[in-house]
Amino acid sequence: MEGFVKYCKDFILENIDNYEDMSFYACDFPTTITEGINANGTCTYSREKALDYLREWNWEAGEYFDWEKMNFGENTHNPFSEPEAYMVCMVIEGCNAILSKVPFIEENWCEEEIEFDSNRIDEIRKFVEDFDEDEDLF
């Protein structure tokens, strides 16, 4: 199984082309790209597979648990009883952490809507491909 950052990078790269020639506020784009898993409540459609990922991502899962408590005042899902939901929340925030560091997204975070044309999609793709997989996201 791939590591957490690699999983988030692959998730972005597999889905980014779906948003070409669409306009978004830069701050909304990271949650937009993860809307599907958020609505479905799962990345894996398997409780066991989600547990396998969380075992593999033990360090990041613990870091996310602390991050969520600090940022939201509570933990919304228990990774033991709701591993699929917990994994979804981790991936959403992991993708958000990566995408919020893309220079044009960071520079336009709270500005007007921007078009994600082919050049911007390519810029995101290049940034994500080069993103250091050893970087902590939480």
N, C-alpha and C. Protein backbone atom coordinates (compact mmCIF):
# COMPACT_ATOMS: atom_id res chain seq x y z
N MET A 1 0.85 -1.19 0.00
CA MET A 1 0.00 0.00 0.00
C MET A 1 0.88 1.24 0.00
N GLU A 2 0.44 2.23 -0.74
CA GLU A 2 1.21 3.46 -0.80
C GLU A 2 1.04 4.26 0.50
N GLY A 3 2.01 5.12 0.75
CA GLY A 3 1.95 5.99 1.91
C GLY A 3 0.85 7.03 1.74
N PHE A 4 0.57 7.74 2.82
CA PHE A 4 -0.52 8.70 2.83
C PHE A 4 -0.33 9.84 1.81
N VAL A 5 0.82 10.46 1.80
CA VAL A 5 1.05 11.58 0.88
C VAL A 5 0.96 11.09 -0.56
N LYS A 6 1.53 9.93 -0.84
CA LYS A 6 1.44 9.35 -2.19
C LYS A 6 -0.02 9.10 -2.57
N TYR A 7 -0.80 8.58 -1.64
CA TYR A 7 -2.22 8.33 -1.91
C TYR A 7 -2.93 9.64 -2.28
N CYS A 8 -2.68 10.70 -1.51
CA CYS A 8 -3.31 11.99 -1.78
C CYS A 8 -2.85 12.56 -3.12
N LYS A 9 -1.56 12.44 -3.41
CA LYS A 9 -1.04 12.91 -4.69
C LYS A 9 -1.72 12.16 -5.84
N ASP A 10 -1.78 10.84 -5.73
CA ASP A 10 -2.41 10.04 -6.78
C ASP A 10 -3.89 10.39 -6.93
N PHE A 11 -4.57 10.62 -5.81
CA PHE A 11 -5.98 11.00 -5.86
C PHE A 11 -6.15 12.29 -6.66
N ILE A 12 -5.33 13.28 -6.38
CA ILE A 12 -5.41 14.56 -7.10
C ILE A 12 -5.13 14.34 -8.58
N LEU A 13 -4.06 13.63 -8.89
CA LEU A 13 -3.67 13.42 -10.28
C LEU A 13 -4.70 12.63 -11.07
N GLU A 14 -5.38 11.71 -10.41
CA GLU A 14 -6.42 10.91 -11.08
C GLU A 14 -7.70 11.71 -11.34
N ASN A 15 -7.91 12.78 -10.59
CA ASN A 15 -9.17 13.52 -10.68
C ASN A 15 -9.06 14.92 -11.26
N ILE A 16 -7.86 15.46 -11.36
CA ILE A 16 -7.67 16.86 -11.75
C ILE A 16 -8.25 17.20 -13.12
N ASP A 17 -8.15 16.29 -14.07
CA ASP A 17 -8.63 16.60 -15.42
C ASP A 17 -10.14 16.81 -15.49
N ASN A 18 -10.87 16.31 -14.51
CA ASN A 18 -12.32 16.50 -14.49
C ASN A 18 -12.73 17.95 -14.29
N TYR A 19 -11.79 18.79 -13.89
CA TYR A 19 -12.12 20.17 -13.53
C TYR A 19 -11.54 21.19 -14.51
N GLU A 20 -10.98 20.71 -15.61
CA GLU A 20 -10.42 21.61 -16.60
C GLU A 20 -11.53 22.46 -17.23
N ASP A 21 -11.21 23.74 -17.42
CA ASP A 21 -12.11 24.74 -18.02
C ASP A 21 -13.31 25.04 -17.13
N MET A 22 -13.17 24.82 -15.84
CA MET A 22 -14.19 25.20 -14.87
C MET A 22 -13.61 26.30 -14.00
N SER A 23 -14.49 27.08 -13.38
CA SER A 23 -14.04 28.18 -12.52
C SER A 23 -14.43 27.90 -11.08
N PHE A 24 -13.49 28.23 -10.18
CA PHE A 24 -13.69 28.03 -8.75
C PHE A 24 -12.98 29.14 -8.00
N TYR A 25 -13.41 29.37 -6.78
CA TYR A 25 -12.57 30.13 -5.85
C TYR A 25 -11.44 29.18 -5.49
N ALA A 26 -10.24 29.71 -5.42
CA ALA A 26 -9.09 28.87 -5.13
C ALA A 26 -9.27 28.13 -3.80
N CYS A 27 -9.86 28.79 -2.82
CA CYS A 27 -10.03 28.15 -1.51
C CYS A 27 -11.04 27.01 -1.55
N ASP A 28 -11.91 26.99 -2.56
CA ASP A 28 -12.92 25.93 -2.68
C ASP A 28 -12.43 24.73 -3.49
N PHE A 29 -11.40 24.92 -4.28
CA PHE A 29 -10.98 23.85 -5.17
C PHE A 29 -10.57 22.56 -4.44
N PRO A 30 -9.78 22.65 -3.37
CA PRO A 30 -9.40 21.39 -2.70
C PRO A 30 -10.59 20.58 -2.20
N THR A 31 -11.63 21.21 -1.72
CA THR A 31 -12.80 20.45 -1.27
C THR A 31 -13.66 20.02 -2.46
N THR A 32 -13.61 20.78 -3.54
CA THR A 32 -14.37 20.40 -4.74
C THR A 32 -13.82 19.10 -5.33
N ILE A 33 -12.52 18.97 -5.40
CA ILE A 33 -11.93 17.78 -6.01
C ILE A 33 -12.21 16.52 -5.18
N THR A 34 -12.54 16.70 -3.90
CA THR A 34 -12.81 15.55 -3.02
C THR A 34 -14.30 15.40 -2.72
N GLU A 35 -15.17 16.10 -3.44
CA GLU A 35 -16.61 16.02 -3.19
C GLU A 35 -17.15 14.59 -3.32
N GLY A 36 -16.66 13.85 -4.27
CA GLY A 36 -17.17 12.49 -4.51
C GLY A 36 -16.97 11.58 -3.31
N ILE A 37 -15.75 11.56 -2.78
CA ILE A 37 -15.51 10.69 -1.63
C ILE A 37 -16.24 11.20 -0.39
N ASN A 38 -16.39 12.51 -0.30
CA ASN A 38 -17.12 13.08 0.83
C ASN A 38 -18.59 12.66 0.76
N ALA A 39 -19.19 12.74 -0.41
CA ALA A 39 -20.60 12.36 -0.57
C ALA A 39 -20.79 10.86 -0.38
N ASN A 40 -19.85 10.07 -0.87
CA ASN A 40 -19.95 8.61 -0.76
C ASN A 40 -19.59 8.10 0.63
N GLY A 41 -18.80 8.88 1.36
CA GLY A 41 -18.38 8.47 2.69
C GLY A 41 -17.31 7.40 2.70
N THR A 42 -16.67 7.19 1.58
CA THR A 42 -15.64 6.16 1.50
C THR A 42 -14.71 6.41 0.31
N CYS A 43 -13.49 5.96 0.46
CA CYS A 43 -12.52 5.95 -0.63
C CYS A 43 -12.36 4.54 -1.17
N THR A 44 -12.68 3.56 -0.35
CA THR A 44 -12.35 2.17 -0.65
C THR A 44 -13.56 1.26 -0.88
N TYR A 45 -14.73 1.67 -0.41
CA TYR A 45 -15.92 0.82 -0.43
C TYR A 45 -15.66 -0.50 0.29
N SER A 46 -14.79 -0.43 1.29
CA SER A 46 -14.44 -1.61 2.06
C SER A 46 -13.93 -1.17 3.43
N ARG A 47 -14.61 -1.63 4.47
CA ARG A 47 -14.17 -1.32 5.83
C ARG A 47 -12.78 -1.91 6.07
N GLU A 48 -12.58 -3.14 5.64
CA GLU A 48 -11.30 -3.80 5.86
C GLU A 48 -10.16 -3.10 5.13
N LYS A 49 -10.41 -2.68 3.91
CA LYS A 49 -9.36 -1.99 3.15
C LYS A 49 -9.04 -0.63 3.80
N ALA A 50 -10.07 0.07 4.27
CA ALA A 50 -9.85 1.33 4.96
C ALA A 50 -9.01 1.11 6.22
N LEU A 51 -9.31 0.05 6.96
CA LEU A 51 -8.51 -0.29 8.14
C LEU A 51 -7.07 -0.60 7.76
N ASP A 52 -6.88 -1.29 6.64
CA ASP A 52 -5.52 -1.58 6.17
C ASP A 52 -4.77 -0.29 5.89
N TYR A 53 -5.43 0.66 5.22
CA TYR A 53 -4.78 1.95 4.96
C TYR A 53 -4.45 2.66 6.26
N LEU A 54 -5.38 2.68 7.19
CA LEU A 54 -5.13 3.38 8.46
C LEU A 54 -3.99 2.71 9.24
N ARG A 55 -3.87 1.40 9.14
CA ARG A 55 -2.72 0.72 9.76
C ARG A 55 -1.42 1.18 9.09
N GLU A 56 -1.45 1.24 7.77
CA GLU A 56 -0.27 1.69 7.02
C GLU A 56 0.06 3.15 7.34
N TRP A 57 -0.97 3.95 7.52
CA TRP A 57 -0.81 5.38 7.79
C TRP A 57 -0.87 5.69 9.28
N ASN A 58 -0.45 4.78 10.10
CA ASN A 58 -0.59 4.93 11.55
C ASN A 58 -0.10 6.29 12.05
N TRP A 59 1.08 6.69 11.64
CA TRP A 59 1.63 7.98 12.09
C TRP A 59 0.73 9.13 11.64
N GLU A 60 0.39 9.17 10.36
CA GLU A 60 -0.43 10.26 9.82
C GLU A 60 -1.84 10.25 10.43
N ALA A 61 -2.38 9.05 10.69
CA ALA A 61 -3.71 8.96 11.30
C ALA A 61 -3.71 9.57 12.70
N GLY A 62 -2.65 9.34 13.45
CA GLY A 62 -2.52 9.96 14.77
C GLY A 62 -2.34 11.46 14.68
N GLU A 63 -1.53 11.90 13.72
CA GLU A 63 -1.34 13.34 13.52
C GLU A 63 -2.64 14.01 13.10
N TYR A 64 -3.39 13.34 12.22
CA TYR A 64 -4.68 13.89 11.80
C TYR A 64 -5.65 13.97 12.98
N PHE A 65 -5.66 12.96 13.83
CA PHE A 65 -6.54 12.96 15.00
C PHE A 65 -6.28 14.19 15.85
N ASP A 66 -5.01 14.49 16.12
CA ASP A 66 -4.66 15.69 16.90
C ASP A 66 -5.00 16.96 16.14
N TRP A 67 -4.72 17.00 14.84
CA TRP A 67 -5.00 18.18 14.01
C TRP A 67 -6.50 18.48 14.01
N GLU A 68 -7.31 17.44 13.83
CA GLU A 68 -8.77 17.62 13.79
C GLU A 68 -9.28 18.17 15.12
N LYS A 69 -8.81 17.62 16.22
CA LYS A 69 -9.23 18.08 17.54
C LYS A 69 -8.85 19.54 17.75
N MET A 70 -7.64 19.91 17.33
CA MET A 70 -7.16 21.28 17.50
C MET A 70 -7.93 22.26 16.61
N ASN A 71 -8.27 21.85 15.38
CA ASN A 71 -8.91 22.76 14.44
C ASN A 71 -10.43 22.80 14.54
N PHE A 72 -11.05 21.70 14.95
CA PHE A 72 -12.50 21.64 14.99
C PHE A 72 -13.06 21.51 16.40
N GLY A 73 -12.19 21.32 17.38
CA GLY A 73 -12.62 21.21 18.77
C GLY A 73 -13.12 19.83 19.14
N GLU A 74 -13.19 18.94 18.18
CA GLU A 74 -13.63 17.58 18.43
C GLU A 74 -13.18 16.69 17.28
N ASN A 75 -13.24 15.40 17.52
CA ASN A 75 -12.97 14.44 16.46
C ASN A 75 -14.31 13.94 15.94
N THR A 76 -14.52 14.10 14.64
CA THR A 76 -15.83 13.78 14.07
C THR A 76 -16.04 12.30 13.85
N HIS A 77 -14.97 11.53 13.66
CA HIS A 77 -15.11 10.10 13.42
C HIS A 77 -14.06 9.34 14.22
N ASN A 78 -14.45 8.18 14.68
CA ASN A 78 -13.55 7.29 15.40
C ASN A 78 -12.91 6.36 14.35
N PRO A 79 -11.59 6.35 14.25
CA PRO A 79 -10.95 5.53 13.22
C PRO A 79 -11.16 4.03 13.41
N PHE A 80 -11.53 3.61 14.61
CA PHE A 80 -11.74 2.18 14.87
C PHE A 80 -13.15 1.73 14.51
N SER A 81 -14.13 2.58 14.80
CA SER A 81 -15.52 2.20 14.51
C SER A 81 -16.01 2.72 13.16
N GLU A 82 -15.35 3.75 12.62
CA GLU A 82 -15.74 4.34 11.33
C GLU A 82 -14.50 4.57 10.46
N PRO A 83 -13.78 3.51 10.15
CA PRO A 83 -12.52 3.71 9.42
C PRO A 83 -12.69 4.34 8.03
N GLU A 84 -13.78 4.01 7.33
CA GLU A 84 -13.97 4.60 6.00
C GLU A 84 -14.18 6.10 6.09
N ALA A 85 -15.02 6.53 7.02
CA ALA A 85 -15.27 7.96 7.19
C ALA A 85 -14.01 8.68 7.65
N TYR A 86 -13.26 8.07 8.55
CA TYR A 86 -12.03 8.67 9.03
C TYR A 86 -11.02 8.83 7.89
N MET A 87 -10.91 7.79 7.07
CA MET A 87 -10.00 7.84 5.93
C MET A 87 -10.41 8.95 4.97
N VAL A 88 -11.70 9.09 4.70
CA VAL A 88 -12.19 10.16 3.82
C VAL A 88 -11.77 11.52 4.36
N CYS A 89 -11.98 11.75 5.64
CA CYS A 89 -11.61 13.04 6.23
C CYS A 89 -10.11 13.29 6.12
N MET A 90 -9.32 12.25 6.34
CA MET A 90 -7.87 12.39 6.19
C MET A 90 -7.49 12.76 4.76
N VAL A 91 -8.08 12.08 3.79
CA VAL A 91 -7.73 12.33 2.39
C VAL A 91 -8.19 13.73 1.98
N ILE A 92 -9.36 14.15 2.40
CA ILE A 92 -9.83 15.50 2.09
C ILE A 92 -8.83 16.52 2.60
N GLU A 93 -8.44 16.40 3.85
CA GLU A 93 -7.51 17.38 4.43
C GLU A 93 -6.10 17.22 3.87
N GLY A 94 -5.70 16.00 3.52
CA GLY A 94 -4.40 15.81 2.89
C GLY A 94 -4.33 16.47 1.51
N CYS A 95 -5.38 16.28 0.72
CA CYS A 95 -5.45 16.94 -0.59
C CYS A 95 -5.48 18.45 -0.44
N ASN A 96 -6.23 18.91 0.55
CA ASN A 96 -6.30 20.35 0.83
C ASN A 96 -4.91 20.89 1.18
N ALA A 97 -4.17 20.16 2.01
CA ALA A 97 -2.84 20.61 2.40
C ALA A 97 -1.90 20.71 1.20
N ILE A 98 -1.97 19.74 0.31
CA ILE A 98 -1.11 19.77 -0.88
C ILE A 98 -1.54 20.89 -1.82
N LEU A 99 -2.83 20.92 -2.16
CA LEU A 99 -3.31 21.90 -3.16
C LEU A 99 -3.20 23.34 -2.67
N SER A 100 -3.31 23.55 -1.37
CA SER A 100 -3.22 24.92 -0.87
C SER A 100 -1.81 25.48 -1.00
N LYS A 101 -0.83 24.62 -1.31
CA LYS A 101 0.56 25.06 -1.50
C LYS A 101 0.91 25.31 -2.97
N VAL A 102 -0.02 25.01 -3.88
CA VAL A 102 0.21 25.33 -5.29
C VAL A 102 0.27 26.86 -5.38
N PRO A 103 1.34 27.43 -5.95
CA PRO A 103 1.51 28.88 -5.92
C PRO A 103 0.29 29.70 -6.37
N PHE A 104 -0.31 29.40 -7.51
CA PHE A 104 -1.42 30.25 -7.96
C PHE A 104 -2.66 30.05 -7.08
N ILE A 105 -2.82 28.90 -6.47
CA ILE A 105 -3.94 28.69 -5.54
C ILE A 105 -3.68 29.46 -4.25
N GLU A 106 -2.47 29.35 -3.73
CA GLU A 106 -2.11 30.07 -2.51
C GLU A 106 -2.23 31.59 -2.70
N GLU A 107 -1.79 32.10 -3.83
CA GLU A 107 -1.83 33.54 -4.10
C GLU A 107 -3.25 34.07 -4.29
N ASN A 108 -4.17 33.22 -4.72
CA ASN A 108 -5.54 33.65 -5.01
C ASN A 108 -6.55 33.04 -4.04
N TRP A 109 -6.09 32.62 -2.87
CA TRP A 109 -6.91 31.85 -1.93
C TRP A 109 -8.29 32.48 -1.69
N CYS A 110 -8.35 33.75 -1.42
CA CYS A 110 -9.63 34.41 -1.09
C CYS A 110 -10.03 35.44 -2.13
N GLU A 111 -9.54 35.30 -3.33
CA GLU A 111 -9.85 36.25 -4.39
C GLU A 111 -11.10 35.81 -5.16
N GLU A 112 -11.28 36.37 -6.34
CA GLU A 112 -12.41 36.02 -7.19
C GLU A 112 -12.22 34.62 -7.77
N GLU A 113 -13.29 34.12 -8.38
CA GLU A 113 -13.18 32.82 -9.04
C GLU A 113 -12.10 32.89 -10.12
N ILE A 114 -11.41 31.79 -10.28
CA ILE A 114 -10.40 31.71 -11.33
C ILE A 114 -10.70 30.48 -12.19
N GLU A 115 -10.36 30.60 -13.45
CA GLU A 115 -10.59 29.48 -14.37
C GLU A 115 -9.42 28.51 -14.29
N PHE A 116 -9.76 27.26 -14.17
CA PHE A 116 -8.76 26.21 -14.14
C PHE A 116 -8.60 25.68 -15.57
N ASP A 117 -7.93 26.50 -16.38
CA ASP A 117 -7.71 26.13 -17.78
C ASP A 117 -6.58 25.08 -17.86
N SER A 118 -6.27 24.66 -19.06
CA SER A 118 -5.28 23.59 -19.23
C SER A 118 -3.92 23.97 -18.66
N ASN A 119 -3.54 25.24 -18.77
CA ASN A 119 -2.25 25.67 -18.21
C ASN A 119 -2.23 25.55 -16.69
N ARG A 120 -3.32 25.95 -16.06
CA ARG A 120 -3.38 25.85 -14.60
C ARG A 120 -3.46 24.39 -14.15
N ILE A 121 -4.20 23.59 -14.87
CA ILE A 121 -4.26 22.16 -14.54
C ILE A 121 -2.86 21.55 -14.66
N ASP A 122 -2.12 21.92 -15.71
CA ASP A 122 -0.75 21.42 -15.88
C ASP A 122 0.15 21.90 -14.74
N GLU A 123 -0.05 23.15 -14.30
CA GLU A 123 0.73 23.68 -13.19
C GLU A 123 0.45 22.89 -11.91
N ILE A 124 -0.81 22.59 -11.66
CA ILE A 124 -1.17 21.79 -10.49
C ILE A 124 -0.55 20.40 -10.62
N ARG A 125 -0.70 19.78 -11.78
CA ARG A 125 -0.16 18.44 -12.00
C ARG A 125 1.35 18.40 -11.72
N LYS A 126 2.08 19.35 -12.26
CA LYS A 126 3.54 19.40 -12.07
C LYS A 126 3.87 19.58 -10.59
N PHE A 127 3.17 20.50 -9.92
CA PHE A 127 3.42 20.74 -8.50
C PHE A 127 3.18 19.47 -7.68
N VAL A 128 2.06 18.81 -7.94
CA VAL A 128 1.69 17.61 -7.19
C VAL A 128 2.69 16.49 -7.46
N GLU A 129 3.07 16.30 -8.71
CA GLU A 129 4.06 15.26 -9.04
C GLU A 129 5.37 15.48 -8.29
N ASP A 130 5.77 16.75 -8.15
CA ASP A 130 7.04 17.08 -7.51
C ASP A 130 6.94 17.21 -5.99
N PHE A 131 5.73 17.14 -5.45
CA PHE A 131 5.53 17.35 -4.01
C PHE A 131 6.26 16.26 -3.22
N ASP A 132 6.99 16.67 -2.21
CA ASP A 132 7.81 15.77 -1.40
C ASP A 132 6.91 14.83 -0.58
N GLU A 133 7.07 13.55 -0.81
CA GLU A 133 6.23 12.56 -0.13
C GLU A 133 6.61 12.37 1.33
N ASP A 134 7.70 12.97 1.76
CA ASP A 134 8.10 12.90 3.17
C ASP A 134 7.60 14.10 3.97
N GLU A 135 6.90 15.01 3.31
CA GLU A 135 6.41 16.20 4.01
C GLU A 135 5.21 15.85 4.89
N ASP A 136 5.20 16.41 6.09
CA ASP A 136 4.05 16.22 6.99
C ASP A 136 2.92 17.15 6.53
N LEU A 137 1.72 16.61 6.48
CA LEU A 137 0.58 17.41 6.03
C LEU A 137 -0.27 17.95 7.18
N PHE A 138 -0.07 17.40 8.38
CA PHE A 138 -0.87 17.86 9.52
C PHE A 138 0.01 18.42 10.61
